[in-house]
Amino acid sequence: MKGIEKALTLAEKLQHVFVGTSDRDGTPHIAAAARLDVAGDKHLAVSSWFCPATVSNLQENRKVSVVVWNPATDEGFQILGTVQRIEETAILDGYAPELEAGEPPPQVERRLVVNVEKVSAFSHAPHTDREI
């Protein structure tokens, strides 16, 4: 897929991507992540300290949309796929939740390994959803 390389280059430049998931009832949730990397043939990995809603959704529904978009140039890509596995890559050590106001932030960094099924252009301007 030609679009994967372009999406990876843009994600590296921007240092963020958006991850769309939904629960079994179809309720959507959007999360931001910092990294998008190659994880094998037709597989990408998205890494972040994902919030509990993202992790919970992926336990019920493995379909995912990853969007890389630069609003300044209106260049972007949408990657559709299925999460093959969720890996724990880091755990906070010595976290003191009593020092945080409200709910504590996620304490586990995770890596989502996604089987890429389709890459299409993403922009604010009119566009098709045809595969690149």
C-alpha atoms as a PDB file:
ATOM      1  CA  MET A   1       0.000   0.000   0.000  1.00  0.00           C
ATOM      2  CA  LYS A   2       1.566   3.220  -1.189  1.00  0.00           C
ATOM      3  CA  GLY A   3      -0.211   5.410   1.354  1.00  0.00           C
ATOM      4  CA  ILE A   4       1.364   3.730   4.379  1.00  0.00           C
ATOM      5  CA  GLU A   5       4.806   5.238   3.746  1.00  0.00           C
ATOM      6  CA  LYS A   6       3.343   8.708   3.228  1.00  0.00           C
ATOM      7  CA  ALA A   7       1.226   8.415   6.382  1.00  0.00           C
ATOM      8  CA  LEU A   8       4.254   7.301   8.426  1.00  0.00           C
ATOM      9  CA  THR A   9       6.332  10.219   7.145  1.00  0.00           C
ATOM     10  CA  LEU A  10       3.584  12.709   7.998  1.00  0.00           C
ATOM     11  CA  ALA A  11       3.018  11.161  11.446  1.00  0.00           C
ATOM     12  CA  GLU A  12       6.734  11.406  12.225  1.00  0.00           C
ATOM     13  CA  LYS A  13       6.732  15.072  11.229  1.00  0.00           C
ATOM     14  CA  LEU A  14       3.569  15.932  13.208  1.00  0.00           C
ATOM     15  CA  GLN A  15       4.296  13.718  16.238  1.00  0.00           C
ATOM     16  CA  HIS A  16       0.617  12.876  16.691  1.00  0.00           C
ATOM     17  CA  VAL A  17      -2.190  10.811  15.212  1.00  0.00           C
ATOM     18  CA  PHE A  18      -5.834  10.299  16.139  1.00  0.00           C
ATOM     19  CA  VAL A  19      -7.266   6.877  16.943  1.00  0.00           C
ATOM     20  CA  GLY A  20     -10.978   6.223  16.496  1.00  0.00           C
ATOM     21  CA  THR A  21     -12.658   3.288  18.230  1.00  0.00           C
ATOM     22  CA  SER A  22     -16.199   2.378  19.163  1.00  0.00           C
ATOM     23  CA  ASP A  23     -17.787   0.083  21.697  1.00  0.00           C
ATOM     24  CA  ARG A  24     -20.026  -2.866  20.808  1.00  0.00           C
ATOM     25  CA  ASP A  25     -23.031  -0.514  20.596  1.00  0.00           C
ATOM     26  CA  GLY A  26     -21.220   1.767  18.136  1.00  0.00           C
ATOM     27  CA  THR A  27     -20.567   4.654  20.551  1.00  0.00           C
ATOM     28  CA  PRO A  28     -17.472   6.377  19.090  1.00  0.00           C
ATOM     29  CA  HIS A  29     -14.390   7.559  20.947  1.00  0.00           C
ATOM     30  CA  ILE A  30     -11.371   9.514  19.648  1.00  0.00           C
ATOM     31  CA  ALA A  31      -7.931   9.395  21.281  1.00  0.00           C
ATOM     32  CA  ALA A  32      -4.645  11.077  20.419  1.00  0.00           C
ATOM     33  CA  ALA A  33      -1.381   9.165  20.211  1.00  0.00           C
ATOM     34  CA  ALA A  34       2.196  10.282  19.750  1.00  0.00           C
ATOM     35  CA  ARG A  35       3.714   7.563  17.581  1.00  0.00           C
ATOM     36  CA  LEU A  36       2.945   5.547  14.475  1.00  0.00           C
ATOM     37  CA  ASP A  37       5.511   2.906  13.466  1.00  0.00           C
ATOM     38  CA  VAL A  38       5.904  -0.050  11.116  1.00  0.00           C
ATOM     39  CA  ALA A  39       5.194  -3.359  12.862  1.00  0.00           C
ATOM     40  CA  GLY A  40       5.638  -5.808   9.992  1.00  0.00           C
ATOM     41  CA  ASP A  41       4.111  -6.422   6.600  1.00  0.00           C
ATOM     42  CA  LYS A  42       0.781  -4.547   6.382  1.00  0.00           C
ATOM     43  CA  HIS A  43       0.966  -3.870  10.127  1.00  0.00           C
ATOM     44  CA  LEU A  44       1.416  -0.576  11.945  1.00  0.00           C
ATOM     45  CA  ALA A  45       1.807   0.138  15.644  1.00  0.00           C
ATOM     46  CA  VAL A  46       0.243   3.081  17.478  1.00  0.00           C
ATOM     47  CA  SER A  47       1.710   3.914  20.887  1.00  0.00           C
ATOM     48  CA  SER A  48       0.262   6.048  23.671  1.00  0.00           C
ATOM     49  CA  TRP A  49      -0.920   6.243  27.262  1.00  0.00           C
ATOM     50  CA  PHE A  50      -4.422   5.416  26.032  1.00  0.00           C
ATOM     51  CA  CYS A  51      -7.364   6.361  28.195  1.00  0.00           C
ATOM     52  CA  PRO A  52      -9.547   3.588  29.630  1.00  0.00           C
ATOM     53  CA  ALA A  53     -12.310   4.136  27.017  1.00  0.00           C
ATOM     54  CA  THR A  54      -9.966   3.281  24.136  1.00  0.00           C
ATOM     55  CA  VAL A  55      -8.756   0.098  25.818  1.00  0.00           C
ATOM     56  CA  SER A  56     -12.278  -0.921  26.818  1.00  0.00           C
ATOM     57  CA  ASN A  57     -13.601  -0.344  23.293  1.00  0.00           C
ATOM     58  CA  LEU A  58     -10.852  -2.472  21.781  1.00  0.00           C
ATOM     59  CA  GLN A  59     -11.722  -5.358  24.095  1.00  0.00           C
ATOM     60  CA  GLU A  60     -15.217  -5.361  22.528  1.00  0.00           C
ATOM     61  CA  ASN A  61     -14.563  -4.137  18.973  1.00  0.00           C
ATOM     62  CA  ARG A  62     -11.130  -4.467  17.329  1.00  0.00           C
ATOM     63  CA  LYS A  63     -11.917  -2.222  14.323  1.00  0.00           C
ATOM     64  CA  VAL A  64      -9.951   1.042  14.364  1.00  0.00           C
ATOM     65  CA  SER A  65      -9.432   4.197  12.338  1.00  0.00           C
ATOM     66  CA  VAL A  66      -6.094   6.010  12.581  1.00  0.00           C
ATOM     67  CA  VAL A  67      -5.996   9.536  11.167  1.00  0.00           C
ATOM     68  CA  VAL A  68      -2.841  11.482  10.386  1.00  0.00           C
ATOM     69  CA  TRP A  69      -3.728  15.036   9.362  1.00  0.00           C
ATOM     70  CA  ASN A  70      -1.858  18.311   9.045  1.00  0.00           C
ATOM     71  CA  PRO A  71      -4.463  21.100   9.230  1.00  0.00           C
ATOM     72  CA  ALA A  72      -1.928  23.708   8.036  1.00  0.00           C
ATOM     73  CA  THR A  73      -1.514  21.982   4.661  1.00  0.00           C
ATOM     74  CA  ASP A  74      -4.757  19.952   4.694  1.00  0.00           C
ATOM     75  CA  GLU A  75      -2.744  16.824   3.896  1.00  0.00           C
ATOM     76  CA  GLY A  76      -3.758  13.634   5.615  1.00  0.00           C
ATOM     77  CA  PHE A  77      -4.489   9.940   5.601  1.00  0.00           C
ATOM     78  CA  GLN A  78      -7.047   7.645   7.181  1.00  0.00           C
ATOM     79  CA  ILE A  79      -5.890   4.128   7.958  1.00  0.00           C
ATOM     80  CA  LEU A  80      -8.594   1.533   8.573  1.00  0.00           C
ATOM     81  CA  GLY A  81      -7.770  -1.776  10.160  1.00  0.00           C
ATOM     82  CA  THR A  82      -8.176  -4.318  12.903  1.00  0.00           C
ATOM     83  CA  VAL A  83      -6.125  -4.357  16.107  1.00  0.00           C
ATOM     84  CA  GLN A  84      -4.297  -7.689  16.206  1.00  0.00           C
ATOM     85  CA  ARG A  85      -2.908  -7.262  19.706  1.00  0.00           C
ATOM     86  CA  ILE A  86      -2.509  -4.773  22.527  1.00  0.00           C
ATOM     87  CA  GLU A  87       0.924  -4.722  24.154  1.00  0.00           C
ATOM     88  CA  GLU A  88       1.820  -3.082  27.459  1.00  0.00           C
ATOM     89  CA  THR A  89       5.113  -1.244  26.924  1.00  0.00           C
ATOM     90  CA  ALA A  90       5.542   0.792  30.132  1.00  0.00           C
ATOM     91  CA  ILE A  91       3.997   1.044  33.572  1.00  0.00           C
ATOM     92  CA  LEU A  92       4.363   4.008  35.907  1.00  0.00           C
ATOM     93  CA  ASP A  93       6.538   3.192  38.910  1.00  0.00           C
ATOM     94  CA  GLY A  94       5.818   5.010  42.145  1.00  0.00           C
ATOM     95  CA  TYR A  95       2.781   6.887  40.901  1.00  0.00           C
ATOM     96  CA  ALA A  96       1.034   8.792  43.699  1.00  0.00           C
ATOM     97  CA  PRO A  97      -2.621   9.304  42.753  1.00  0.00           C
ATOM     98  CA  GLU A  98      -3.263  11.395  45.874  1.00  0.00           C
ATOM     99  CA  LEU A  99      -1.131  14.130  44.288  1.00  0.00           C
ATOM    100  CA  GLU A 100      -3.398  14.335  41.260  1.00  0.00           C
ATOM    101  CA  ALA A 101      -6.644  16.270  41.184  1.00  0.00           C
ATOM    102  CA  GLY A 102      -9.637  14.213  40.040  1.00  0.00           C
ATOM    103  CA  GLU A 103      -9.260  10.921  38.221  1.00  0.00           C
ATOM    104  CA  PRO A 104      -5.695   9.629  37.860  1.00  0.00           C
ATOM    105  CA  PRO A 105      -4.301   9.502  34.312  1.00  0.00           C
ATOM    106  CA  PRO A 106      -3.590   6.162  32.614  1.00  0.00           C
ATOM    107  CA  GLN A 107      -0.718   4.334  34.269  1.00  0.00           C
ATOM    108  CA  VAL A 108       0.084   1.901  31.430  1.00  0.00           C
ATOM    109  CA  GLU A 109       1.507   2.836  28.038  1.00  0.00           C
ATOM    110  CA  ARG A 110       0.201   0.565  25.323  1.00  0.00           C
ATOM    111  CA  ARG A 111       1.081  -0.293  21.751  1.00  0.00           C
ATOM    112  CA  LEU A 112      -1.720  -1.250  19.363  1.00  0.00           C
ATOM    113  CA  VAL A 113      -0.596  -3.488  16.513  1.00  0.00           C
ATOM    114  CA  VAL A 114      -2.979  -2.850  13.623  1.00  0.00           C
ATOM    115  CA  ASN A 115      -3.497  -4.971  10.529  1.00  0.00           C
ATOM    116  CA  VAL A 116      -3.918  -2.322   7.815  1.00  0.00           C
ATOM    117  CA  GLU A 117      -6.894  -2.990   5.568  1.00  0.00           C
ATOM    118  CA  LYS A 118      -7.231   0.331   3.739  1.00  0.00           C
ATOM    119  CA  VAL A 119      -5.421   3.682   3.422  1.00  0.00           C
ATOM    120  CA  SER A 120      -7.275   6.649   1.958  1.00  0.00           C
ATOM    121  CA  ALA A 121      -6.771  10.397   1.708  1.00  0.00           C
ATOM    122  CA  PHE A 122      -8.092  12.539   4.563  1.00  0.00           C
ATOM    123  CA  SER A 123      -8.619  16.275   4.280  1.00  0.00           C
ATOM    124  CA  HIS A 124     -10.967  19.125   5.041  1.00  0.00           C
ATOM    125  CA  ALA A 125     -11.409  19.706   1.313  1.00  0.00           C
ATOM    126  CA  PRO A 126     -13.754  17.492  -0.696  1.00  0.00           C
ATOM    127  CA  HIS A 127     -12.198  14.072  -1.240  1.00  0.00           C
ATOM    128  CA  THR A 128     -13.102  10.478  -1.979  1.00  0.00           C
ATOM    129  CA  ASP A 129     -12.571   7.557   0.344  1.00  0.00           C
ATOM    130  CA  ARG A 130     -10.869   5.534  -2.358  1.00  0.00           C
ATOM    131  CA  GLU A 131      -7.856   3.534  -1.344  1.00  0.00           C
ATOM    132  CA  ILE A 132      -4.505   5.120  -2.147  1.00  0.00           C
END
